[in-house]
Amino acid sequence: MGHCKVCGTPLAGRVDKQFCDDACRSGFHNQKNREEDSFLLKVNKVLKKNRKVLAQCSRYQQPVLIQKLLDEGFKPGYCTKVELISKRKGYLYFCYDYGYKTINKKQVEILHEGA
């Protein structure tokens, strides 16, 4: 018989058993996935912040200055979806249901997918 991968307790039962109980099994997998989950939580936090900034700034008169978004904490490299409008008109960048398209180097137009 083997020993538990977490606590070292001798195992009884199935030959391929790896953990002595559910707590050790969960602890092992939680530790294994912690680094990946941490990364995903950080990225999702940025995406949610970007969505919040877009939602708040969508109330302003269009177009919105890109600097206004940046001042509110917007991080342009993070989006959940990118759609090509056309080769001449560029792309729509979305953070969940709010998106934006660049008008020029200083301004964007904010869109709401549900509206």
PDB file of N, CA and C in Angstrom:
ATOM      1  N   MET A   1       0.828  -1.191   0.000  1.00  0.00           N
ATOM      2  CA  MET A   1       0.000   0.000   0.000  1.00  0.00           C
ATOM      3  C   MET A   1       0.867   1.247   0.000  1.00  0.00           C
ATOM      4  N   GLY A   2       0.276   2.326  -0.506  1.00  0.00           N
ATOM      5  CA  GLY A   2       1.004   3.580  -0.582  1.00  0.00           C
ATOM      6  C   GLY A   2       0.678   4.497   0.584  1.00  0.00           C
ATOM      7  N   HIS A   3       1.102   5.735   0.427  1.00  0.00           N
ATOM      8  CA  HIS A   3       0.868   6.761   1.447  1.00  0.00           C
ATOM      9  C   HIS A   3       0.183   7.965   0.796  1.00  0.00           C
ATOM     10  N   CYS A   4      -0.571   8.706   1.578  1.00  0.00           N
ATOM     11  CA  CYS A   4      -1.267   9.901   1.118  1.00  0.00           C
ATOM     12  C   CYS A   4      -0.247  10.904   0.567  1.00  0.00           C
ATOM     13  N   LYS A   5      -0.542  11.499  -0.614  1.00  0.00           N
ATOM     14  CA  LYS A   5       0.359  12.457  -1.244  1.00  0.00           C
ATOM     15  C   LYS A   5       0.528  13.737  -0.434  1.00  0.00           C
ATOM     16  N   VAL A   6      -0.415  14.001   0.470  1.00  0.00           N
ATOM     17  CA  VAL A   6      -0.370  15.257   1.224  1.00  0.00           C
ATOM     18  C   VAL A   6       0.209  15.063   2.623  1.00  0.00           C
ATOM     19  N   CYS A   7      -0.382  14.154   3.371  1.00  0.00           N
ATOM     20  CA  CYS A   7       0.012  14.033   4.781  1.00  0.00           C
ATOM     21  C   CYS A   7       0.870  12.809   5.090  1.00  0.00           C
ATOM     22  N   GLY A   8       0.986  11.890   4.138  1.00  0.00           N
ATOM     23  CA  GLY A   8       1.829  10.720   4.348  1.00  0.00           C
ATOM     24  C   GLY A   8       1.176   9.578   5.110  1.00  0.00           C
ATOM     25  N   THR A   9      -0.093   9.694   5.446  1.00  0.00           N
ATOM     26  CA  THR A   9      -0.811   8.633   6.155  1.00  0.00           C
ATOM     27  C   THR A   9      -0.857   7.376   5.295  1.00  0.00           C
ATOM     28  N   PRO A  10      -0.611   6.192   5.882  1.00  0.00           N
ATOM     29  CA  PRO A  10      -0.723   4.949   5.109  1.00  0.00           C
ATOM     30  C   PRO A  10      -2.141   4.788   4.572  1.00  0.00           C
ATOM     31  N   LEU A  11      -2.257   4.345   3.331  1.00  0.00           N
ATOM     32  CA  LEU A  11      -3.557   4.213   2.678  1.00  0.00           C
ATOM     33  C   LEU A  11      -4.038   2.778   2.711  1.00  0.00           C
ATOM     34  N   ALA A  12      -5.346   2.641   2.922  1.00  0.00           N
ATOM     35  CA  ALA A  12      -5.986   1.329   2.888  1.00  0.00           C
ATOM     36  C   ALA A  12      -7.091   1.394   1.856  1.00  0.00           C
ATOM     37  N   GLY A  13      -7.371   0.270   1.217  1.00  0.00           N
ATOM     38  CA  GLY A  13      -8.444   0.261   0.235  1.00  0.00           C
ATOM     39  C   GLY A  13      -7.911   0.014  -1.160  1.00  0.00           C
ATOM     40  N   ARG A  14      -8.405   0.777  -2.111  1.00  0.00           N
ATOM     41  CA  ARG A  14      -8.029   0.594  -3.510  1.00  0.00           C
ATOM     42  C   ARG A  14      -6.524   0.723  -3.712  1.00  0.00           C
ATOM     43  N   VAL A  15      -6.027  -0.024  -4.656  1.00  0.00           N
ATOM     44  CA  VAL A  15      -4.603  -0.044  -4.957  1.00  0.00           C
ATOM     45  C   VAL A  15      -4.134   1.303  -5.514  1.00  0.00           C
ATOM     46  N   ASP A  16      -5.002   1.986  -6.274  1.00  0.00           N
ATOM     47  CA  ASP A  16      -4.614   3.249  -6.901  1.00  0.00           C
ATOM     48  C   ASP A  16      -4.995   4.484  -6.081  1.00  0.00           C
ATOM     49  N   LYS A  17      -5.389   4.292  -4.845  1.00  0.00           N
ATOM     50  CA  LYS A  17      -5.787   5.405  -3.976  1.00  0.00           C
ATOM     51  C   LYS A  17      -4.574   6.319  -3.724  1.00  0.00           C
ATOM     52  N   GLN A  18      -4.793   7.648  -3.789  1.00  0.00           N
ATOM     53  CA  GLN A  18      -3.692   8.591  -3.637  1.00  0.00           C
ATOM     54  C   GLN A  18      -3.805   9.465  -2.387  1.00  0.00           C
ATOM     55  N   PHE A  19      -5.025   9.598  -1.849  1.00  0.00           N
ATOM     56  CA  PHE A  19      -5.263  10.500  -0.720  1.00  0.00           C
ATOM     57  C   PHE A  19      -6.048   9.776   0.365  1.00  0.00           C
ATOM     58  N   CYS A  20      -5.807  10.176   1.615  1.00  0.00           N
ATOM     59  CA  CYS A  20      -6.475   9.502   2.727  1.00  0.00           C
ATOM     60  C   CYS A  20      -7.916   9.968   2.910  1.00  0.00           C
ATOM     61  N   ASP A  21      -8.223  11.223   2.534  1.00  0.00           N
ATOM     62  CA  ASP A  21      -9.586  11.737   2.676  1.00  0.00           C
ATOM     63  C   ASP A  21      -9.829  12.901   1.708  1.00  0.00           C
ATOM     64  N   ASP A  22     -11.054  13.411   1.726  1.00  0.00           N
ATOM     65  CA  ASP A  22     -11.424  14.503   0.823  1.00  0.00           C
ATOM     66  C   ASP A  22     -10.652  15.785   1.107  1.00  0.00           C
ATOM     67  N   ALA A  23     -10.333  16.047   2.355  1.00  0.00           N
ATOM     68  CA  ALA A  23      -9.599  17.265   2.704  1.00  0.00           C
ATOM     69  C   ALA A  23      -8.206  17.259   2.070  1.00  0.00           C
ATOM     70  N   CYS A  24      -7.510  16.144   2.144  1.00  0.00           N
ATOM     71  CA  CYS A  24      -6.184  16.044   1.523  1.00  0.00           C
ATOM     72  C   CYS A  24      -6.286  16.124   0.005  1.00  0.00           C
ATOM     73  N   ARG A  25      -7.290  15.464  -0.577  1.00  0.00           N
ATOM     74  CA  ARG A  25      -7.477  15.514  -2.028  1.00  0.00           C
ATOM     75  C   ARG A  25      -7.748  16.946  -2.478  1.00  0.00           C
ATOM     76  N   SER A  26      -8.657  17.643  -1.813  1.00  0.00           N
ATOM     77  CA  SER A  26      -8.978  19.029  -2.168  1.00  0.00           C
ATOM     78  C   SER A  26      -7.779  19.943  -1.966  1.00  0.00           C
ATOM     79  N   GLY A  27      -7.093  19.768  -0.863  1.00  0.00           N
ATOM     80  CA  GLY A  27      -5.912  20.584  -0.584  1.00  0.00           C
ATOM     81  C   GLY A  27      -4.844  20.418  -1.640  1.00  0.00           C
ATOM     82  N   PHE A  28      -4.631  19.195  -2.084  1.00  0.00           N
ATOM     83  CA  PHE A  28      -3.640  18.920  -3.119  1.00  0.00           C
ATOM     84  C   PHE A  28      -3.997  19.640  -4.423  1.00  0.00           C
ATOM     85  N   HIS A  29      -5.250  19.516  -4.843  1.00  0.00           N
ATOM     86  CA  HIS A  29      -5.667  20.125  -6.106  1.00  0.00           C
ATOM     87  C   HIS A  29      -5.768  21.653  -5.999  1.00  0.00           C
ATOM     88  N   ASN A  30      -6.161  22.159  -4.842  1.00  0.00           N
ATOM     89  CA  ASN A  30      -6.197  23.618  -4.646  1.00  0.00           C
ATOM     90  C   ASN A  30      -4.800  24.211  -4.762  1.00  0.00           C
ATOM     91  N   GLN A  31      -3.837  23.570  -4.149  1.00  0.00           N
ATOM     92  CA  GLN A  31      -2.454  24.044  -4.216  1.00  0.00           C
ATOM     93  C   GLN A  31      -1.934  23.987  -5.657  1.00  0.00           C
ATOM     94  N   LYS A  32      -2.265  22.909  -6.339  1.00  0.00           N
ATOM     95  CA  LYS A  32      -1.820  22.718  -7.718  1.00  0.00           C
ATOM     96  C   LYS A  32      -2.379  23.804  -8.639  1.00  0.00           C
ATOM     97  N   ASN A  33      -3.629  24.200  -8.418  1.00  0.00           N
ATOM     98  CA  ASN A  33      -4.291  25.172  -9.293  1.00  0.00           C
ATOM     99  C   ASN A  33      -4.169  26.624  -8.815  1.00  0.00           C
ATOM    100  N   ARG A  34      -3.585  26.843  -7.656  1.00  0.00           N
ATOM    101  CA  ARG A  34      -3.535  28.185  -7.068  1.00  0.00           C
ATOM    102  C   ARG A  34      -2.858  29.207  -7.978  1.00  0.00           C
ATOM    103  N   GLU A  35      -1.729  28.854  -8.575  1.00  0.00           N
ATOM    104  CA  GLU A  35      -0.993  29.796  -9.421  1.00  0.00           C
ATOM    105  C   GLU A  35      -1.819  30.195 -10.647  1.00  0.00           C
ATOM    106  N   GLU A  36      -2.416  29.218 -11.319  1.00  0.00           N
ATOM    107  CA  GLU A  36      -3.239  29.511 -12.494  1.00  0.00           C
ATOM    108  C   GLU A  36      -4.461  30.331 -12.105  1.00  0.00           C
ATOM    109  N   ASP A  37      -5.136  29.957 -11.018  1.00  0.00           N
ATOM    110  CA  ASP A  37      -6.311  30.690 -10.563  1.00  0.00           C
ATOM    111  C   ASP A  37      -5.955  32.121 -10.187  1.00  0.00           C
ATOM    112  N   SER A  38      -4.799  32.318  -9.591  1.00  0.00           N
ATOM    113  CA  SER A  38      -4.346  33.646  -9.210  1.00  0.00           C
ATOM    114  C   SER A  38      -4.196  34.526 -10.441  1.00  0.00           C
ATOM    115  N   PHE A  39      -3.602  33.999 -11.486  1.00  0.00           N
ATOM    116  CA  PHE A  39      -3.442  34.747 -12.734  1.00  0.00           C
ATOM    117  C   PHE A  39      -4.804  35.116 -13.314  1.00  0.00           C
ATOM    118  N   LEU A  40      -5.717  34.147 -13.376  1.00  0.00           N
ATOM    119  CA  LEU A  40      -7.047  34.400 -13.937  1.00  0.00           C
ATOM    120  C   LEU A  40      -7.806  35.434 -13.121  1.00  0.00           C
ATOM    121  N   LEU A  41      -7.683  35.392 -11.809  1.00  0.00           N
ATOM    122  CA  LEU A  41      -8.349  36.381 -10.962  1.00  0.00           C
ATOM    123  C   LEU A  41      -7.811  37.784 -11.227  1.00  0.00           C
ATOM    124  N   LYS A  42      -6.504  37.910 -11.412  1.00  0.00           N
ATOM    125  CA  LYS A  42      -5.909  39.216 -11.699  1.00  0.00           C
ATOM    126  C   LYS A  42      -6.398  39.766 -13.039  1.00  0.00           C
ATOM    127  N   VAL A  43      -6.425  38.922 -14.057  1.00  0.00           N
ATOM    128  CA  VAL A  43      -6.880  39.356 -15.382  1.00  0.00           C
ATOM    129  C   VAL A  43      -8.352  39.741 -15.329  1.00  0.00           C
ATOM    130  N   ASN A  44      -9.170  38.935 -14.659  1.00  0.00           N
ATOM    131  CA  ASN A  44     -10.599  39.236 -14.577  1.00  0.00           C
ATOM    132  C   ASN A  44     -10.843  40.536 -13.813  1.00  0.00           C
ATOM    133  N   LYS A  45     -10.024  40.818 -12.825  1.00  0.00           N
ATOM    134  CA  LYS A  45     -10.148  42.069 -12.073  1.00  0.00           C
ATOM    135  C   LYS A  45      -9.910  43.262 -13.000  1.00  0.00           C
ATOM    136  N   VAL A  46      -8.907  43.172 -13.866  1.00  0.00           N
ATOM    137  CA  VAL A  46      -8.621  44.249 -14.820  1.00  0.00           C
ATOM    138  C   VAL A  46      -9.779  44.381 -15.817  1.00  0.00           C
ATOM    139  N   LEU A  47     -10.297  43.258 -16.318  1.00  0.00           N
ATOM    140  CA  LEU A  47     -11.411  43.298 -17.267  1.00  0.00           C
ATOM    141  C   LEU A  47     -12.653  43.933 -16.648  1.00  0.00           C
ATOM    142  N   LYS A  48     -12.943  43.587 -15.400  1.00  0.00           N
ATOM    143  CA  LYS A  48     -14.095  44.173 -14.722  1.00  0.00           C
ATOM    144  C   LYS A  48     -13.914  45.666 -14.502  1.00  0.00           C
ATOM    145  N   LYS A  49     -12.691  46.078 -14.177  1.00  0.00           N
ATOM    146  CA  LYS A  49     -12.397  47.507 -14.010  1.00  0.00           C
ATOM    147  C   LYS A  49     -12.582  48.234 -15.340  1.00  0.00           C
ATOM    148  N   ASN A  50     -12.069  47.658 -16.426  1.00  0.00           N
ATOM    149  CA  ASN A  50     -12.246  48.257 -17.742  1.00  0.00           C
ATOM    150  C   ASN A  50     -13.723  48.401 -18.093  1.00  0.00           C
ATOM    151  N   ARG A  51     -14.522  47.368 -17.809  1.00  0.00           N
ATOM    152  CA  ARG A  51     -15.955  47.435 -18.090  1.00  0.00           C
ATOM    153  C   ARG A  51     -16.602  48.551 -17.286  1.00  0.00           C
ATOM    154  N   LYS A  52     -16.227  48.661 -16.027  1.00  0.00           N
ATOM    155  CA  LYS A  52     -16.791  49.693 -15.159  1.00  0.00           C
ATOM    156  C   LYS A  52     -16.458  51.092 -15.686  1.00  0.00           C
ATOM    157  N   VAL A  53     -15.218  51.295 -16.107  1.00  0.00           N
ATOM    158  CA  VAL A  53     -14.803  52.596 -16.652  1.00  0.00           C
ATOM    159  C   VAL A  53     -15.585  52.898 -17.922  1.00  0.00           C
ATOM    160  N   LEU A  54     -15.720  51.927 -18.813  1.00  0.00           N
ATOM    161  CA  LEU A  54     -16.483  52.143 -20.035  1.00  0.00           C
ATOM    162  C   LEU A  54     -17.940  52.475 -19.733  1.00  0.00           C
ATOM    163  N   ALA A  55     -18.527  51.766 -18.774  1.00  0.00           N
ATOM    164  CA  ALA A  55     -19.919  52.023 -18.402  1.00  0.00           C
ATOM    165  C   ALA A  55     -20.076  53.440 -17.852  1.00  0.00           C
ATOM    166  N   GLN A  56     -19.162  53.849 -16.981  1.00  0.00           N
ATOM    167  CA  GLN A  56     -19.241  55.195 -16.403  1.00  0.00           C
ATOM    168  C   GLN A  56     -19.040  56.261 -17.473  1.00  0.00           C
ATOM    169  N   CYS A  57     -18.072  56.067 -18.333  1.00  0.00           N
ATOM    170  CA  CYS A  57     -17.750  57.071 -19.351  1.00  0.00           C
ATOM    171  C   CYS A  57     -18.765  57.083 -20.490  1.00  0.00           C
ATOM    172  N   SER A  58     -19.566  56.037 -20.625  1.00  0.00           N
ATOM    173  CA  SER A  58     -20.567  56.011 -21.692  1.00  0.00           C
ATOM    174  C   SER A  58     -21.660  57.039 -21.431  1.00  0.00           C
ATOM    175  N   ARG A  59     -21.763  57.518 -20.205  1.00  0.00           N
ATOM    176  CA  ARG A  59     -22.762  58.532 -19.864  1.00  0.00           C
ATOM    177  C   ARG A  59     -22.347  59.922 -20.346  1.00  0.00           C
ATOM    178  N   TYR A  60     -21.057  60.086 -20.638  1.00  0.00           N
ATOM    179  CA  TYR A  60     -20.578  61.380 -21.114  1.00  0.00           C
ATOM    180  C   TYR A  60     -20.964  61.572 -22.574  1.00  0.00           C
ATOM    181  N   GLN A  61     -20.910  62.816 -22.979  1.00  0.00           N
ATOM    182  CA  GLN A  61     -21.170  63.124 -24.376  1.00  0.00           C
ATOM    183  C   GLN A  61     -20.105  62.436 -25.238  1.00  0.00           C
ATOM    184  N   GLN A  62     -20.531  61.787 -26.315  1.00  0.00           N
ATOM    185  CA  GLN A  62     -19.603  61.101 -27.208  1.00  0.00           C
ATOM    186  C   GLN A  62     -18.940  62.126 -28.107  1.00  0.00           C
ATOM    187  N   PRO A  63     -17.768  61.943 -28.607  1.00  0.00           N
ATOM    188  CA  PRO A  63     -16.791  60.924 -28.248  1.00  0.00           C
ATOM    189  C   PRO A  63     -16.117  61.222 -26.909  1.00  0.00           C
ATOM    190  N   VAL A  64     -15.435  60.214 -26.370  1.00  0.00           N
ATOM    191  CA  VAL A  64     -14.747  60.326 -25.085  1.00  0.00           C
ATOM    192  C   VAL A  64     -13.246  60.355 -25.336  1.00  0.00           C
ATOM    193  N   LEU A  65     -12.558  61.207 -24.614  1.00  0.00           N
ATOM    194  CA  LEU A  65     -11.102  61.261 -24.732  1.00  0.00           C
ATOM    195  C   LEU A  65     -10.487  59.984 -24.165  1.00  0.00           C
ATOM    196  N   ILE A  66      -9.535  59.427 -24.876  1.00  0.00           N
ATOM    197  CA  ILE A  66      -8.829  58.235 -24.400  1.00  0.00           C
ATOM    198  C   ILE A  66      -8.158  58.534 -23.064  1.00  0.00           C
ATOM    199  N   GLN A  67      -7.652  59.734 -22.911  1.00  0.00           N
ATOM    200  CA  GLN A  67      -6.989  60.115 -21.659  1.00  0.00           C
ATOM    201  C   GLN A  67      -7.957  60.040 -20.482  1.00  0.00           C
ATOM    202  N   LYS A  68      -9.237  60.348 -20.711  1.00  0.00           N
ATOM    203  CA  LYS A  68     -10.250  60.240 -19.647  1.00  0.00           C
ATOM    204  C   LYS A  68     -10.357  58.790 -19.175  1.00  0.00           C
ATOM    205  N   LEU A  69     -10.380  57.855 -20.120  1.00  0.00           N
ATOM    206  CA  LEU A  69     -10.431  56.436 -19.765  1.00  0.00           C
ATOM    207  C   LEU A  69      -9.197  56.037 -18.955  1.00  0.00           C
ATOM    208  N   LEU A  70      -8.037  56.469 -19.423  1.00  0.00           N
ATOM    209  CA  LEU A  70      -6.780  56.134 -18.741  1.00  0.00           C
ATOM    210  C   LEU A  70      -6.743  56.734 -17.341  1.00  0.00           C
ATOM    211  N   ASP A  71      -7.232  57.957 -17.196  1.00  0.00           N
ATOM    212  CA  ASP A  71      -7.272  58.611 -15.881  1.00  0.00           C
ATOM    213  C   ASP A  71      -8.162  57.863 -14.895  1.00  0.00           C
ATOM    214  N   GLU A  72      -9.182  57.188 -15.419  1.00  0.00           N
ATOM    215  CA  GLU A  72     -10.105  56.423 -14.569  1.00  0.00           C
ATOM    216  C   GLU A  72      -9.587  55.017 -14.253  1.00  0.00           C
ATOM    217  N   GLY A  73      -8.424  54.647 -14.830  1.00  0.00           N
ATOM    218  CA  GLY A  73      -7.823  53.347 -14.535  1.00  0.00           C
ATOM    219  C   GLY A  73      -7.985  52.314 -15.627  1.00  0.00           C
ATOM    220  N   PHE A  74      -8.433  52.716 -16.795  1.00  0.00           N
ATOM    221  CA  PHE A  74      -8.625  51.804 -17.919  1.00  0.00           C
ATOM    222  C   PHE A  74      -7.278  51.296 -18.429  1.00  0.00           C
ATOM    223  N   LYS A  75      -7.195  49.987 -18.723  1.00  0.00           N
ATOM    224  CA  LYS A  75      -5.982  49.377 -19.272  1.00  0.00           C
ATOM    225  C   LYS A  75      -6.312  48.837 -20.660  1.00  0.00           C
ATOM    226  N   PRO A  76      -5.866  49.541 -21.718  1.00  0.00           N
ATOM    227  CA  PRO A  76      -6.275  49.217 -23.084  1.00  0.00           C
ATOM    228  C   PRO A  76      -5.907  47.821 -23.588  1.00  0.00           C
ATOM    229  N   GLY A  77      -4.931  47.169 -23.060  1.00  0.00           N
ATOM    230  CA  GLY A  77      -4.518  45.862 -23.570  1.00  0.00           C
ATOM    231  C   GLY A  77      -5.428  44.715 -23.186  1.00  0.00           C
ATOM    232  N   TYR A  78      -6.465  44.962 -22.398  1.00  0.00           N
ATOM    233  CA  TYR A  78      -7.327  43.897 -21.896  1.00  0.00           C
ATOM    234  C   TYR A  78      -8.734  44.035 -22.474  1.00  0.00           C
ATOM    235  N   CYS A  79      -9.200  42.984 -23.153  1.00  0.00           N
ATOM    236  CA  CYS A  79     -10.568  42.973 -23.668  1.00  0.00           C
ATOM    237  C   CYS A  79     -11.034  41.523 -23.755  1.00  0.00           C
ATOM    238  N   THR A  80     -12.344  41.347 -23.863  1.00  0.00           N
ATOM    239  CA  THR A  80     -12.906  40.004 -23.929  1.00  0.00           C
ATOM    240  C   THR A  80     -13.244  39.582 -25.358  1.00  0.00           C
ATOM    241  N   LYS A  81     -13.364  40.578 -26.265  1.00  0.00           N
ATOM    242  CA  LYS A  81     -13.729  40.269 -27.642  1.00  0.00           C
ATOM    243  C   LYS A  81     -13.258  41.404 -28.537  1.00  0.00           C
ATOM    244  N   VAL A  82     -12.830  41.060 -29.751  1.00  0.00           N
ATOM    245  CA  VAL A  82     -12.436  42.044 -30.754  1.00  0.00           C
ATOM    246  C   VAL A  82     -13.190  41.714 -32.035  1.00  0.00           C
ATOM    247  N   GLU A  83     -13.838  42.732 -32.614  1.00  0.00           N
ATOM    248  CA  GLU A  83     -14.564  42.543 -33.866  1.00  0.00           C
ATOM    249  C   GLU A  83     -14.035  43.513 -34.908  1.00  0.00           C
ATOM    250  N   LEU A  84     -13.831  43.034 -36.111  1.00  0.00           N
ATOM    251  CA  LEU A  84     -13.417  43.887 -37.211  1.00  0.00           C
ATOM    252  C   LEU A  84     -14.649  44.597 -37.756  1.00  0.00           C
ATOM    253  N   ILE A  85     -14.613  45.931 -37.768  1.00  0.00           N
ATOM    254  CA  ILE A  85     -15.707  46.699 -38.365  1.00  0.00           C
ATOM    255  C   ILE A  85     -15.522  46.669 -39.880  1.00  0.00           C
ATOM    256  N   SER A  86     -14.402  47.167 -40.326  1.00  0.00           N
ATOM    257  CA  SER A  86     -13.978  47.114 -41.726  1.00  0.00           C
ATOM    258  C   SER A  86     -12.514  47.519 -41.752  1.00  0.00           C
ATOM    259  N   LYS A  87     -11.857  47.289 -42.857  1.00  0.00           N
ATOM    260  CA  LYS A  87     -10.437  47.638 -42.937  1.00  0.00           C
ATOM    261  C   LYS A  87     -10.216  49.127 -42.726  1.00  0.00           C
ATOM    262  N   ARG A  88     -11.124  49.951 -43.192  1.00  0.00           N
ATOM    263  CA  ARG A  88     -10.988  51.408 -43.046  1.00  0.00           C
ATOM    264  C   ARG A  88     -11.392  51.897 -41.666  1.00  0.00           C
ATOM    265  N   LYS A  89     -12.403  51.264 -41.076  1.00  0.00           N
ATOM    266  CA  LYS A  89     -12.938  51.766 -39.807  1.00  0.00           C
ATOM    267  C   LYS A  89     -12.320  51.111 -38.578  1.00  0.00           C
ATOM    268  N   GLY A  90     -11.558  50.048 -38.750  1.00  0.00           N
ATOM    269  CA  GLY A  90     -10.846  49.441 -37.627  1.00  0.00           C
ATOM    270  C   GLY A  90     -11.628  48.387 -36.877  1.00  0.00           C
ATOM    271  N   TYR A  91     -11.420  48.358 -35.565  1.00  0.00           N
ATOM    272  CA  TYR A  91     -11.944  47.293 -34.712  1.00  0.00           C
ATOM    273  C   TYR A  91     -12.818  47.838 -33.589  1.00  0.00           C
ATOM    274  N   LEU A  92     -13.702  46.966 -33.094  1.00  0.00           N
ATOM    275  CA  LEU A  92     -14.431  47.202 -31.855  1.00  0.00           C
ATOM    276  C   LEU A  92     -13.777  46.326 -30.792  1.00  0.00           C
ATOM    277  N   TYR A  93     -13.477  46.905 -29.650  1.00  0.00           N
ATOM    278  CA  TYR A  93     -12.888  46.175 -28.528  1.00  0.00           C
ATOM    279  C   TYR A  93     -13.913  46.127 -27.411  1.00  0.00           C
ATOM    280  N   PHE A  94     -14.201  44.925 -26.898  1.00  0.00           N
ATOM    281  CA  PHE A  94     -15.206  44.781 -25.854  1.00  0.00           C
ATOM    282  C   PHE A  94     -14.614  44.294 -24.538  1.00  0.00           C
ATOM    283  N   CYS A  95     -15.170  44.799 -23.465  1.00  0.00           N
ATOM    284  CA  CYS A  95     -14.964  44.271 -22.118  1.00  0.00           C
ATOM    285  C   CYS A  95     -16.352  43.842 -21.667  1.00  0.00           C
ATOM    286  N   TYR A  96     -16.647  42.575 -21.882  1.00  0.00           N
ATOM    287  CA  TYR A  96     -17.969  42.013 -21.654  1.00  0.00           C
ATOM    288  C   TYR A  96     -18.971  42.708 -22.564  1.00  0.00           C
ATOM    289  N   ASP A  97     -19.949  43.442 -22.038  1.00  0.00           N
ATOM    290  CA  ASP A  97     -20.988  44.035 -22.883  1.00  0.00           C
ATOM    291  C   ASP A  97     -20.719  45.482 -23.288  1.00  0.00           C
ATOM    292  N   TYR A  98     -19.657  46.092 -22.782  1.00  0.00           N
ATOM    293  CA  TYR A  98     -19.290  47.454 -23.185  1.00  0.00           C
ATOM    294  C   TYR A  98     -18.075  47.400 -24.094  1.00  0.00           C
ATOM    295  N   GLY A  99     -18.115  48.221 -25.131  1.00  0.00           N
ATOM    296  CA  GLY A  99     -17.019  48.235 -26.071  1.00  0.00           C
ATOM    297  C   GLY A  99     -16.671  49.642 -26.489  1.00  0.00           C
ATOM    298  N   TYR A 100     -15.620  49.731 -27.275  1.00  0.00           N
ATOM    299  CA  TYR A 100     -15.207  51.033 -27.792  1.00  0.00           C
ATOM    300  C   TYR A 100     -14.537  50.865 -29.142  1.00  0.00           C
ATOM    301  N   LYS A 101     -14.627  51.914 -29.929  1.00  0.00           N
ATOM    302  CA  LYS A 101     -13.897  51.956 -31.189  1.00  0.00           C
ATOM    303  C   LYS A 101     -13.177  53.295 -31.240  1.00  0.00           C
ATOM    304  N   THR A 102     -11.977  53.260 -31.783  1.00  0.00           N
ATOM    305  CA  THR A 102     -11.203  54.492 -31.861  1.00  0.00           C
ATOM    306  C   THR A 102     -11.726  55.345 -33.012  1.00  0.00           C
ATOM    307  N   ILE A 103     -11.820  56.632 -32.732  1.00  0.00           N
ATOM    308  CA  ILE A 103     -12.236  57.595 -33.744  1.00  0.00           C
ATOM    309  C   ILE A 103     -10.991  58.245 -34.344  1.00  0.00           C
ATOM    310  N   ASN A 104     -10.064  58.603 -33.472  1.00  0.00           N
ATOM    311  CA  ASN A 104      -8.773  59.139 -33.877  1.00  0.00           C
ATOM    312  C   ASN A 104      -7.784  58.814 -32.761  1.00  0.00           C
ATOM    313  N   LYS A 105      -6.614  59.402 -32.784  1.00  0.00           N
ATOM    314  CA  LYS A 105      -5.590  59.059 -31.786  1.00  0.00           C
ATOM    315  C   LYS A 105      -5.945  59.505 -30.370  1.00  0.00           C
ATOM    316  N   LYS A 106      -6.912  60.396 -30.237  1.00  0.00           N
ATOM    317  CA  LYS A 106      -7.245  60.936 -28.911  1.00  0.00           C
ATOM    318  C   LYS A 106      -8.643  60.592 -28.426  1.00  0.00           C
ATOM    319  N   GLN A 107      -9.491  60.032 -29.293  1.00  0.00           N
ATOM    320  CA  GLN A 107     -10.890  59.827 -28.931  1.00  0.00           C
ATOM    321  C   GLN A 107     -11.397  58.437 -29.279  1.00  0.00           C
ATOM    322  N   VAL A 108     -12.366  57.990 -28.474  1.00  0.00           N
ATOM    323  CA  VAL A 108     -13.059  56.732 -28.744  1.00  0.00           C
ATOM    324  C   VAL A 108     -14.561  56.965 -28.636  1.00  0.00           C
ATOM    325  N   GLU A 109     -15.302  56.077 -29.267  1.00  0.00           N
ATOM    326  CA  GLU A 109     -16.748  56.045 -29.097  1.00  0.00           C
ATOM    327  C   GLU A 109     -17.075  54.791 -28.302  1.00  0.00           C
ATOM    328  N   ILE A 110     -17.852  54.952 -27.231  1.00  0.00           N
ATOM    329  CA  ILE A 110     -18.206  53.827 -26.363  1.00  0.00           C
ATOM    330  C   ILE A 110     -19.553  53.273 -26.785  1.00  0.00           C
ATOM    331  N   LEU A 111     -19.636  51.947 -26.845  1.00  0.00           N
ATOM    332  CA  LEU A 111     -20.842  51.261 -27.264  1.00  0.00           C
ATOM    333  C   LEU A 111     -21.289  50.296 -26.177  1.00  0.00           C
ATOM    334  N   HIS A 112     -22.593  50.047 -26.116  1.00  0.00           N
ATOM    335  CA  HIS A 112     -23.115  49.032 -25.209  1.00  0.00           C
ATOM    336  C   HIS A 112     -23.809  47.980 -26.056  1.00  0.00           C
ATOM    337  N   GLU A 113     -23.336  46.747 -25.946  1.00  0.00           N
ATOM    338  CA  GLU A 113     -23.826  45.658 -26.787  1.00  0.00           C
ATOM    339  C   GLU A 113     -25.309  45.375 -26.557  1.00  0.00           C
ATOM    340  N   GLY A 114     -25.804  45.611 -25.340  1.00  0.00           N
ATOM    341  CA  GLY A 114     -27.193  45.330 -25.024  1.00  0.00           C
ATOM    342  C   GLY A 114     -28.122  46.457 -25.439  1.00  0.00           C
ATOM    343  N   ALA A 115     -27.593  47.602 -25.830  1.00  0.00           N
ATOM    344  CA  ALA A 115     -28.427  48.762 -26.174  1.00  0.00           C
ATOM    345  C   ALA A 115     -28.756  48.792 -27.650  1.00  0.00           C
TER     346      ALA A 115
END
